Amino acid sequence: MKIVLICFAGMSTSMLVNRMKKAAAKRNIDADIVALSTSDMYEELDNADVILLGPQARYVLDEVREIATPKGIPVEVINSQIYGSMNGEAVLDMALELAKRE
């Protein structure tokens, strides 16, 4: 499963990605999790199974959904409190839940 996280610059999301990877490894979940900035996001959108946006990247939600929804790729904004606490377990759970819906 490929999970793409998008934030404004890609820096804060990189920390969250590391925590998500640790959570996935603990649960034996095979997940390729990457963080991209809004300017680099187009590189990976087609390859994603789930796309999550950091709260600060909410402004690109409609644009990303236009690209991803026709391809059956779910897109959602990460809750600000969960993002702020860098809770990798909760964000991984969110991604897994979104993947089930598609």
PDB file of N, CA and C in Angstrom:
ATOM      1  N   MET A   1       0.846  -1.167   0.000  1.00  0.00           N
ATOM      2  CA  MET A   1       0.000   0.000   0.000  1.00  0.00           C
ATOM      3  C   MET A   1       0.895   1.234   0.000  1.00  0.00           C
ATOM      4  N   LYS A   2       0.586   2.180  -0.875  1.00  0.00           N
ATOM      5  CA  LYS A   2       1.347   3.431  -0.943  1.00  0.00           C
ATOM      6  C   LYS A   2       0.510   4.551  -0.350  1.00  0.00           C
ATOM      7  N   ILE A   3       1.048   5.178   0.699  1.00  0.00           N
ATOM      8  CA  ILE A   3       0.388   6.289   1.369  1.00  0.00           C
ATOM      9  C   ILE A   3       1.213   7.538   1.112  1.00  0.00           C
ATOM     10  N   VAL A   4       0.581   8.553   0.535  1.00  0.00           N
ATOM     11  CA  VAL A   4       1.255   9.816   0.251  1.00  0.00           C
ATOM     12  C   VAL A   4       0.714  10.882   1.190  1.00  0.00           C
ATOM     13  N   LEU A   5       1.615  11.524   1.921  1.00  0.00           N
ATOM     14  CA  LEU A   5       1.261  12.646   2.786  1.00  0.00           C
ATOM     15  C   LEU A   5       1.764  13.923   2.129  1.00  0.00           C
ATOM     16  N   ILE A   6       0.916  14.924   2.115  1.00  0.00           N
ATOM     17  CA  ILE A   6       1.269  16.191   1.480  1.00  0.00           C
ATOM     18  C   ILE A   6       1.165  17.311   2.507  1.00  0.00           C
ATOM     19  N   CYS A   7       2.214  18.119   2.573  1.00  0.00           N
ATOM     20  CA  CYS A   7       2.145  19.323   3.399  1.00  0.00           C
ATOM     21  C   CYS A   7       2.776  20.466   2.619  1.00  0.00           C
ATOM     22  N   PHE A   8       2.782  21.635   3.200  1.00  0.00           N
ATOM     23  CA  PHE A   8       3.248  22.811   2.469  1.00  0.00           C
ATOM     24  C   PHE A   8       4.699  22.666   2.023  1.00  0.00           C
ATOM     25  N   ALA A   9       5.580  22.308   2.937  1.00  0.00           N
ATOM     26  CA  ALA A   9       6.994  22.200   2.580  1.00  0.00           C
ATOM     27  C   ALA A   9       7.530  20.772   2.650  1.00  0.00           C
ATOM     28  N   GLY A  10       6.780  19.868   3.246  1.00  0.00           N
ATOM     29  CA  GLY A  10       7.215  18.480   3.342  1.00  0.00           C
ATOM     30  C   GLY A  10       8.062  18.169   4.561  1.00  0.00           C
ATOM     31  N   MET A  11       8.391  19.177   5.359  1.00  0.00           N
ATOM     32  CA  MET A  11       9.290  18.965   6.498  1.00  0.00           C
ATOM     33  C   MET A  11       8.580  18.335   7.701  1.00  0.00           C
ATOM     34  N   SER A  12       7.530  18.974   8.181  1.00  0.00           N
ATOM     35  CA  SER A  12       6.848  18.439   9.368  1.00  0.00           C
ATOM     36  C   SER A  12       6.232  17.082   9.068  1.00  0.00           C
ATOM     37  N   THR A  13       5.779  16.901   7.865  1.00  0.00           N
ATOM     38  CA  THR A  13       5.169  15.632   7.497  1.00  0.00           C
ATOM     39  C   THR A  13       6.209  14.515   7.466  1.00  0.00           C
ATOM     40  N   SER A  14       7.455  14.848   7.204  1.00  0.00           N
ATOM     41  CA  SER A  14       8.514  13.832   7.218  1.00  0.00           C
ATOM     42  C   SER A  14       8.635  13.183   8.588  1.00  0.00           C
ATOM     43  N   MET A  15       8.497  13.975   9.639  1.00  0.00           N
ATOM     44  CA  MET A  15       8.535  13.416  10.997  1.00  0.00           C
ATOM     45  C   MET A  15       7.360  12.466  11.218  1.00  0.00           C
ATOM     46  N   LEU A  16       6.204  12.869  10.733  1.00  0.00           N
ATOM     47  CA  LEU A  16       5.014  12.037  10.881  1.00  0.00           C
ATOM     48  C   LEU A  16       5.164  10.738  10.094  1.00  0.00           C
ATOM     49  N   VAL A  17       5.738  10.817   8.911  1.00  0.00           N
ATOM     50  CA  VAL A  17       5.973   9.623   8.094  1.00  0.00           C
ATOM     51  C   VAL A  17       6.835   8.620   8.856  1.00  0.00           C
ATOM     52  N   ASN A  18       7.885   9.087   9.513  1.00  0.00           N
ATOM     53  CA  ASN A  18       8.747   8.177  10.281  1.00  0.00           C
ATOM     54  C   ASN A  18       7.967   7.469  11.373  1.00  0.00           C
ATOM     55  N   ARG A  19       7.095   8.186  12.044  1.00  0.00           N
ATOM     56  CA  ARG A  19       6.277   7.565  13.098  1.00  0.00           C
ATOM     57  C   ARG A  19       5.265   6.581  12.508  1.00  0.00           C
ATOM     58  N   MET A  20       4.730   6.908  11.349  1.00  0.00           N
ATOM     59  CA  MET A  20       3.802   5.992  10.683  1.00  0.00           C
ATOM     60  C   MET A  20       4.519   4.715  10.258  1.00  0.00           C
ATOM     61  N   LYS A  21       5.736   4.857   9.746  1.00  0.00           N
ATOM     62  CA  LYS A  21       6.514   3.687   9.326  1.00  0.00           C
ATOM     63  C   LYS A  21       6.794   2.771  10.515  1.00  0.00           C
ATOM     64  N   LYS A  22       7.128   3.359  11.660  1.00  0.00           N
ATOM     65  CA  LYS A  22       7.360   2.556  12.862  1.00  0.00           C
ATOM     66  C   LYS A  22       6.084   1.833  13.283  1.00  0.00           C
ATOM     67  N   ALA A  23       4.958   2.535  13.220  1.00  0.00           N
ATOM     68  CA  ALA A  23       3.672   1.929  13.582  1.00  0.00           C
ATOM     69  C   ALA A  23       3.330   0.788  12.628  1.00  0.00           C
ATOM     70  N   ALA A  24       3.572   0.986  11.342  1.00  0.00           N
ATOM     71  CA  ALA A  24       3.291  -0.055  10.348  1.00  0.00           C
ATOM     72  C   ALA A  24       4.191  -1.271  10.575  1.00  0.00           C
ATOM     73  N   ALA A  25       5.457  -1.038  10.859  1.00  0.00           N
ATOM     74  CA  ALA A  25       6.394  -2.143  11.097  1.00  0.00           C
ATOM     75  C   ALA A  25       5.982  -2.949  12.325  1.00  0.00           C
ATOM     76  N   LYS A  26       5.550  -2.256  13.380  1.00  0.00           N
ATOM     77  CA  LYS A  26       5.109  -2.950  14.600  1.00  0.00           C
ATOM     78  C   LYS A  26       3.932  -3.868  14.322  1.00  0.00           C
ATOM     79  N   ARG A  27       3.092  -3.468  13.371  1.00  0.00           N
ATOM     80  CA  ARG A  27       1.888  -4.249  13.052  1.00  0.00           C
ATOM     81  C   ARG A  27       2.085  -5.169  11.854  1.00  0.00           C
ATOM     82  N   ASN A  28       3.299  -5.240  11.348  1.00  0.00           N
ATOM     83  CA  ASN A  28       3.598  -6.050  10.158  1.00  0.00           C
ATOM     84  C   ASN A  28       2.757  -5.641   8.955  1.00  0.00           C
ATOM     85  N   ILE A  29       2.575  -4.352   8.783  1.00  0.00           N
ATOM     86  CA  ILE A  29       1.838  -3.819   7.634  1.00  0.00           C
ATOM     87  C   ILE A  29       2.855  -3.365   6.601  1.00  0.00           C
ATOM     88  N   ASP A  30       2.715  -3.882   5.388  1.00  0.00           N
ATOM     89  CA  ASP A  30       3.611  -3.504   4.300  1.00  0.00           C
ATOM     90  C   ASP A  30       3.100  -2.199   3.693  1.00  0.00           C
ATOM     91  N   ALA A  31       3.756  -1.098   4.028  1.00  0.00           N
ATOM     92  CA  ALA A  31       3.303   0.205   3.544  1.00  0.00           C
ATOM     93  C   ALA A  31       4.490   1.037   3.084  1.00  0.00           C
ATOM     94  N   ASP A  32       4.342   1.629   1.919  1.00  0.00           N
ATOM     95  CA  ASP A  32       5.305   2.595   1.395  1.00  0.00           C
ATOM     96  C   ASP A  32       4.708   3.962   1.707  1.00  0.00           C
ATOM     97  N   ILE A  33       5.314   4.691   2.634  1.00  0.00           N
ATOM     98  CA  ILE A  33       4.760   5.958   3.100  1.00  0.00           C
ATOM     99  C   ILE A  33       5.751   7.064   2.767  1.00  0.00           C
ATOM    100  N   VAL A  34       5.288   8.076   2.026  1.00  0.00           N
ATOM    101  CA  VAL A  34       6.168   9.173   1.622  1.00  0.00           C
ATOM    102  C   VAL A  34       5.534  10.518   1.944  1.00  0.00           C
ATOM    103  N   ALA A  35       6.397  11.512   2.156  1.00  0.00           N
ATOM    104  CA  ALA A  35       5.951  12.886   2.387  1.00  0.00           C
ATOM    105  C   ALA A  35       6.399  13.747   1.218  1.00  0.00           C
ATOM    106  N   LEU A  36       5.492  14.576   0.741  1.00  0.00           N
ATOM    107  CA  LEU A  36       5.805  15.473  -0.371  1.00  0.00           C
ATOM    108  C   LEU A  36       5.297  16.871  -0.074  1.00  0.00           C
ATOM    109  N   SER A  37       5.958  17.846  -0.656  1.00  0.00           N
ATOM    110  CA  SER A  37       5.464  19.218  -0.558  1.00  0.00           C
ATOM    111  C   SER A  37       4.366  19.410  -1.598  1.00  0.00           C
ATOM    112  N   THR A  38       3.603  20.472  -1.437  1.00  0.00           N
ATOM    113  CA  THR A  38       2.534  20.744  -2.406  1.00  0.00           C
ATOM    114  C   THR A  38       3.108  20.977  -3.799  1.00  0.00           C
ATOM    115  N   SER A  39       4.327  21.477  -3.889  1.00  0.00           N
ATOM    116  CA  SER A  39       4.917  21.711  -5.213  1.00  0.00           C
ATOM    117  C   SER A  39       5.407  20.423  -5.865  1.00  0.00           C
ATOM    118  N   ASP A  40       5.699  19.391  -5.073  1.00  0.00           N
ATOM    119  CA  ASP A  40       6.189  18.113  -5.613  1.00  0.00           C
ATOM    120  C   ASP A  40       5.128  17.019  -5.660  1.00  0.00           C
ATOM    121  N   MET A  41       3.928  17.322  -5.213  1.00  0.00           N
ATOM    122  CA  MET A  41       2.917  16.277  -5.031  1.00  0.00           C
ATOM    123  C   MET A  41       2.501  15.581  -6.323  1.00  0.00           C
ATOM    124  N   TYR A  42       2.609  16.261  -7.439  1.00  0.00           N
ATOM    125  CA  TYR A  42       2.136  15.679  -8.700  1.00  0.00           C
ATOM    126  C   TYR A  42       2.946  14.461  -9.125  1.00  0.00           C
ATOM    127  N   GLU A  43       4.172  14.337  -8.611  1.00  0.00           N
ATOM    128  CA  GLU A  43       5.040  13.203  -8.959  1.00  0.00           C
ATOM    129  C   GLU A  43       4.445  11.859  -8.546  1.00  0.00           C
ATOM    130  N   GLU A  44       3.742  11.830  -7.437  1.00  0.00           N
ATOM    131  CA  GLU A  44       3.319  10.562  -6.847  1.00  0.00           C
ATOM    132  C   GLU A  44       1.815  10.333  -6.795  1.00  0.00           C
ATOM    133  N   LEU A  45       1.021  11.313  -7.181  1.00  0.00           N
ATOM    134  CA  LEU A  45      -0.430  11.166  -7.020  1.00  0.00           C
ATOM    135  C   LEU A  45      -0.976   9.933  -7.728  1.00  0.00           C
ATOM    136  N   ASP A  46      -0.491   9.660  -8.915  1.00  0.00           N
ATOM    137  CA  ASP A  46      -1.006   8.517  -9.674  1.00  0.00           C
ATOM    138  C   ASP A  46      -0.620   7.174  -9.059  1.00  0.00           C
ATOM    139  N   ASN A  47       0.444   7.157  -8.272  1.00  0.00           N
ATOM    140  CA  ASN A  47       0.938   5.907  -7.694  1.00  0.00           C
ATOM    141  C   ASN A  47       0.395   5.628  -6.300  1.00  0.00           C
ATOM    142  N   ALA A  48      -0.391   6.542  -5.766  1.00  0.00           N
ATOM    143  CA  ALA A  48      -0.859   6.427  -4.380  1.00  0.00           C
ATOM    144  C   ALA A  48      -2.079   5.519  -4.263  1.00  0.00           C
ATOM    145  N   ASP A  49      -2.183   4.876  -3.102  1.00  0.00           N
ATOM    146  CA  ASP A  49      -3.404   4.156  -2.742  1.00  0.00           C
ATOM    147  C   ASP A  49      -4.273   5.026  -1.845  1.00  0.00           C
ATOM    148  N   VAL A  50      -3.623   5.906  -1.078  1.00  0.00           N
ATOM    149  CA  VAL A  50      -4.299   6.851  -0.187  1.00  0.00           C
ATOM    150  C   VAL A  50      -3.479   8.137  -0.184  1.00  0.00           C
ATOM    151  N   ILE A  51      -4.164   9.278  -0.190  1.00  0.00           N
ATOM    152  CA  ILE A  51      -3.489  10.572  -0.102  1.00  0.00           C
ATOM    153  C   ILE A  51      -4.031  11.310   1.113  1.00  0.00           C
ATOM    154  N   LEU A  52      -3.114  11.728   1.983  1.00  0.00           N
ATOM    155  CA  LEU A  52      -3.484  12.484   3.175  1.00  0.00           C
ATOM    156  C   LEU A  52      -2.800  13.843   3.128  1.00  0.00           C
ATOM    157  N   LEU A  53      -3.556  14.882   3.434  1.00  0.00           N
ATOM    158  CA  LEU A  53      -3.014  16.234   3.441  1.00  0.00           C
ATOM    159  C   LEU A  53      -2.840  16.721   4.865  1.00  0.00           C
ATOM    160  N   GLY A  54      -1.701  17.352   5.126  1.00  0.00           N
ATOM    161  CA  GLY A  54      -1.520  18.026   6.403  1.00  0.00           C
ATOM    162  C   GLY A  54      -2.485  19.197   6.464  1.00  0.00           C
ATOM    163  N   PRO A  55      -2.865  19.617   7.659  1.00  0.00           N
ATOM    164  CA  PRO A  55      -3.835  20.712   7.792  1.00  0.00           C
ATOM    165  C   PRO A  55      -3.427  21.975   7.035  1.00  0.00           C
ATOM    166  N   GLN A  56      -2.126  22.261   6.971  1.00  0.00           N
ATOM    167  CA  GLN A  56      -1.663  23.461   6.288  1.00  0.00           C
ATOM    168  C   GLN A  56      -1.747  23.339   4.766  1.00  0.00           C
ATOM    169  N   ALA A  57      -1.997  22.144   4.255  1.00  0.00           N
ATOM    170  CA  ALA A  57      -2.129  21.929   2.810  1.00  0.00           C
ATOM    171  C   ALA A  57      -3.593  21.776   2.400  1.00  0.00           C
ATOM    172  N   ARG A  58      -4.491  22.069   3.311  1.00  0.00           N
ATOM    173  CA  ARG A  58      -5.929  21.949   3.041  1.00  0.00           C
ATOM    174  C   ARG A  58      -6.344  22.710   1.771  1.00  0.00           C
ATOM    175  N   TYR A  59      -5.638  23.781   1.473  1.00  0.00           N
ATOM    176  CA  TYR A  59      -6.000  24.612   0.324  1.00  0.00           C
ATOM    177  C   TYR A  59      -5.879  23.886  -1.017  1.00  0.00           C
ATOM    178  N   VAL A  60      -5.159  22.767  -1.084  1.00  0.00           N
ATOM    179  CA  VAL A  60      -5.056  22.013  -2.339  1.00  0.00           C
ATOM    180  C   VAL A  60      -6.008  20.815  -2.374  1.00  0.00           C
ATOM    181  N   LEU A  61      -6.869  20.687  -1.368  1.00  0.00           N
ATOM    182  CA  LEU A  61      -7.762  19.525  -1.276  1.00  0.00           C
ATOM    183  C   LEU A  61      -8.597  19.343  -2.540  1.00  0.00           C
ATOM    184  N   ASP A  62      -9.265  20.385  -2.992  1.00  0.00           N
ATOM    185  CA  ASP A  62     -10.114  20.253  -4.182  1.00  0.00           C
ATOM    186  C   ASP A  62      -9.301  19.867  -5.412  1.00  0.00           C
ATOM    187  N   GLU A  63      -8.139  20.466  -5.558  1.00  0.00           N
ATOM    188  CA  GLU A  63      -7.272  20.177  -6.702  1.00  0.00           C
ATOM    189  C   GLU A  63      -6.814  18.717  -6.692  1.00  0.00           C
ATOM    190  N   VAL A  64      -6.415  18.234  -5.525  1.00  0.00           N
ATOM    191  CA  VAL A  64      -5.953  16.847  -5.408  1.00  0.00           C
ATOM    192  C   VAL A  64      -7.115  15.888  -5.644  1.00  0.00           C
ATOM    193  N   ARG A  65      -8.271  16.203  -5.097  1.00  0.00           N
ATOM    194  CA  ARG A  65      -9.440  15.334  -5.311  1.00  0.00           C
ATOM    195  C   ARG A  65      -9.819  15.266  -6.791  1.00  0.00           C
ATOM    196  N   GLU A  66      -9.690  16.367  -7.511  1.00  0.00           N
ATOM    197  CA  GLU A  66      -9.995  16.362  -8.953  1.00  0.00           C
ATOM    198  C   GLU A  66      -9.148  15.339  -9.689  1.00  0.00           C
ATOM    199  N   ILE A  67      -7.901  15.216  -9.282  1.00  0.00           N
ATOM    200  CA  ILE A  67      -6.973  14.278  -9.922  1.00  0.00           C
ATOM    201  C   ILE A  67      -7.192  12.855  -9.409  1.00  0.00           C
ATOM    202  N   ALA A  68      -7.349  12.714  -8.101  1.00  0.00           N
ATOM    203  CA  ALA A  68      -7.349  11.390  -7.476  1.00  0.00           C
ATOM    204  C   ALA A  68      -8.689  10.665  -7.509  1.00  0.00           C
ATOM    205  N   THR A  69      -9.776  11.376  -7.313  1.00  0.00           N
ATOM    206  CA  THR A  69     -11.088  10.729  -7.206  1.00  0.00           C
ATOM    207  C   THR A  69     -11.454   9.912  -8.443  1.00  0.00           C
ATOM    208  N   PRO A  70     -11.252  10.428  -9.665  1.00  0.00           N
ATOM    209  CA  PRO A  70     -11.580   9.598 -10.834  1.00  0.00           C
ATOM    210  C   PRO A  70     -10.768   8.299 -10.911  1.00  0.00           C
ATOM    211  N   LYS A  71      -9.635   8.272 -10.230  1.00  0.00           N
ATOM    212  CA  LYS A  71      -8.783   7.082 -10.227  1.00  0.00           C
ATOM    213  C   LYS A  71      -9.078   6.174  -9.038  1.00  0.00           C
ATOM    214  N   GLY A  72     -10.068   6.562  -8.225  1.00  0.00           N
ATOM    215  CA  GLY A  72     -10.438   5.752  -7.068  1.00  0.00           C
ATOM    216  C   GLY A  72      -9.487   5.877  -5.892  1.00  0.00           C
ATOM    217  N   ILE A  73      -8.718   6.959  -5.851  1.00  0.00           N
ATOM    218  CA  ILE A  73      -7.767   7.168  -4.762  1.00  0.00           C
ATOM    219  C   ILE A  73      -8.407   8.091  -3.731  1.00  0.00           C
ATOM    220  N   PRO A  74      -8.601   7.617  -2.498  1.00  0.00           N
ATOM    221  CA  PRO A  74      -9.211   8.467  -1.470  1.00  0.00           C
ATOM    222  C   PRO A  74      -8.251   9.563  -1.006  1.00  0.00           C
ATOM    223  N   VAL A  75      -8.824  10.737  -0.724  1.00  0.00           N
ATOM    224  CA  VAL A  75      -8.052  11.902  -0.280  1.00  0.00           C
ATOM    225  C   VAL A  75      -8.745  12.486   0.938  1.00  0.00           C
ATOM    226  N   GLU A  76      -7.968  12.792   1.967  1.00  0.00           N
ATOM    227  CA  GLU A  76      -8.549  13.390   3.173  1.00  0.00           C
ATOM    228  C   GLU A  76      -7.516  14.282   3.844  1.00  0.00           C
ATOM    229  N   VAL A  77      -8.001  15.230   4.641  1.00  0.00           N
ATOM    230  CA  VAL A  77      -7.129  16.104   5.426  1.00  0.00           C
ATOM    231  C   VAL A  77      -6.973  15.491   6.818  1.00  0.00           C
ATOM    232  N   ILE A  78      -5.752  15.459   7.305  1.00  0.00           N
ATOM    233  CA  ILE A  78      -5.475  14.929   8.640  1.00  0.00           C
ATOM    234  C   ILE A  78      -5.998  15.917   9.683  1.00  0.00           C
ATOM    235  N   ASN A  79      -6.665  15.395  10.689  1.00  0.00           N
ATOM    236  CA  ASN A  79      -7.163  16.200  11.799  1.00  0.00           C
ATOM    237  C   ASN A  79      -6.010  16.997  12.418  1.00  0.00           C
ATOM    238  N   SER A  80      -6.249  18.281  12.685  1.00  0.00           N
ATOM    239  CA  SER A  80      -5.204  19.175  13.207  1.00  0.00           C
ATOM    240  C   SER A  80      -4.608  18.696  14.525  1.00  0.00           C
ATOM    241  N   GLN A  81      -5.444  18.188  15.420  1.00  0.00           N
ATOM    242  CA  GLN A  81      -4.939  17.729  16.718  1.00  0.00           C
ATOM    243  C   GLN A  81      -4.066  16.487  16.570  1.00  0.00           C
ATOM    244  N   ILE A  82      -4.493  15.575  15.723  1.00  0.00           N
ATOM    245  CA  ILE A  82      -3.705  14.360  15.489  1.00  0.00           C
ATOM    246  C   ILE A  82      -2.389  14.731  14.814  1.00  0.00           C
ATOM    247  N   TYR A  83      -2.470  15.622  13.835  1.00  0.00           N
ATOM    248  CA  TYR A  83      -1.263  16.064  13.134  1.00  0.00           C
ATOM    249  C   TYR A  83      -0.311  16.763  14.100  1.00  0.00           C
ATOM    250  N   GLY A  84      -0.843  17.658  14.907  1.00  0.00           N
ATOM    251  CA  GLY A  84      -0.028  18.414  15.852  1.00  0.00           C
ATOM    252  C   GLY A  84       0.671  17.544  16.878  1.00  0.00           C
ATOM    253  N   SER A  85       0.036  16.433  17.236  1.00  0.00           N
ATOM    254  CA  SER A  85       0.645  15.522  18.209  1.00  0.00           C
ATOM    255  C   SER A  85       1.582  14.518  17.538  1.00  0.00           C
ATOM    256  N   MET A  86       1.652  14.563  16.202  1.00  0.00           N
ATOM    257  CA  MET A  86       2.505  13.653  15.431  1.00  0.00           C
ATOM    258  C   MET A  86       2.200  12.195  15.771  1.00  0.00           C
ATOM    259  N   ASN A  87       0.912  11.876  15.862  1.00  0.00           N
ATOM    260  CA  ASN A  87       0.462  10.536  16.231  1.00  0.00           C
ATOM    261  C   ASN A  87       0.456   9.631  14.995  1.00  0.00           C
ATOM    262  N   GLY A  88       1.570   8.961  14.777  1.00  0.00           N
ATOM    263  CA  GLY A  88       1.713   8.091  13.611  1.00  0.00           C
ATOM    264  C   GLY A  88       0.727   6.942  13.592  1.00  0.00           C
ATOM    265  N   GLU A  89       0.415   6.395  14.757  1.00  0.00           N
ATOM    266  CA  GLU A  89      -0.560   5.297  14.852  1.00  0.00           C
ATOM    267  C   GLU A  89      -1.921   5.753  14.334  1.00  0.00           C
ATOM    268  N   ALA A  90      -2.371   6.914  14.794  1.00  0.00           N
ATOM    269  CA  ALA A  90      -3.698   7.411  14.414  1.00  0.00           C
ATOM    270  C   ALA A  90      -3.770   7.749  12.930  1.00  0.00           C
ATOM    271  N   VAL A  91      -2.710   8.325  12.387  1.00  0.00           N
ATOM    272  CA  VAL A  91      -2.722   8.675  10.963  1.00  0.00           C
ATOM    273  C   VAL A  91      -2.653   7.407  10.112  1.00  0.00           C
ATOM    274  N   LEU A  92      -1.893   6.424  10.555  1.00  0.00           N
ATOM    275  CA  LEU A  92      -1.864   5.140   9.850  1.00  0.00           C
ATOM    276  C   LEU A  92      -3.250   4.510   9.868  1.00  0.00           C
ATOM    277  N   ASP A  93      -3.917   4.533  11.019  1.00  0.00           N
ATOM    278  CA  ASP A  93      -5.281   4.002  11.111  1.00  0.00           C
ATOM    279  C   ASP A  93      -6.212   4.723  10.143  1.00  0.00           C
ATOM    280  N   MET A  94      -6.060   6.033  10.049  1.00  0.00           N
ATOM    281  CA  MET A  94      -6.884   6.824   9.133  1.00  0.00           C
ATOM    282  C   MET A  94      -6.657   6.373   7.688  1.00  0.00           C
ATOM    283  N   ALA A  95      -5.410   6.193   7.314  1.00  0.00           N
ATOM    284  CA  ALA A  95      -5.081   5.759   5.954  1.00  0.00           C
ATOM    285  C   ALA A  95      -5.648   4.373   5.668  1.00  0.00           C
ATOM    286  N   LEU A  96      -5.512   3.466   6.624  1.00  0.00           N
ATOM    287  CA  LEU A  96      -6.029   2.108   6.433  1.00  0.00           C
ATOM    288  C   LEU A  96      -7.545   2.109   6.291  1.00  0.00           C
ATOM    289  N   GLU A  97      -8.205   2.934   7.079  1.00  0.00           N
ATOM    290  CA  GLU A  97      -9.667   3.035   7.004  1.00  0.00           C
ATOM    291  C   GLU A  97     -10.104   3.594   5.647  1.00  0.00           C
ATOM    292  N   LEU A  98      -9.415   4.617   5.174  1.00  0.00           N
ATOM    293  CA  LEU A  98      -9.739   5.185   3.860  1.00  0.00           C
ATOM    294  C   LEU A  98      -9.524   4.159   2.753  1.00  0.00           C
ATOM    295  N   ALA A  99      -8.463   3.379   2.857  1.00  0.00           N
ATOM    296  CA  ALA A  99      -8.170   2.369   1.839  1.00  0.00           C
ATOM    297  C   ALA A  99      -9.261   1.307   1.784  1.00  0.00           C
ATOM    298  N   LYS A 100      -9.847   0.981   2.931  1.00  0.00           N
ATOM    299  CA  LYS A 100     -10.928  -0.019   2.977  1.00  0.00           C
ATOM    300  C   LYS A 100     -12.173   0.460   2.252  1.00  0.00           C
ATOM    301  N   ARG A 101     -12.414   1.760   2.295  1.00  0.00           N
ATOM    302  CA  ARG A 101     -13.636   2.315   1.700  1.00  0.00           C
ATOM    303  C   ARG A 101     -13.630   2.247   0.184  1.00  0.00           C
ATOM    304  N   GLU A 102     -12.452   2.255  -0.401  1.00  0.00           N
ATOM    305  CA  GLU A 102     -12.378   2.290  -1.870  1.00  0.00           C
ATOM    306  C   GLU A 102     -12.541   0.919  -2.471  1.00  0.00           C
TER     307      GLU A 102
END
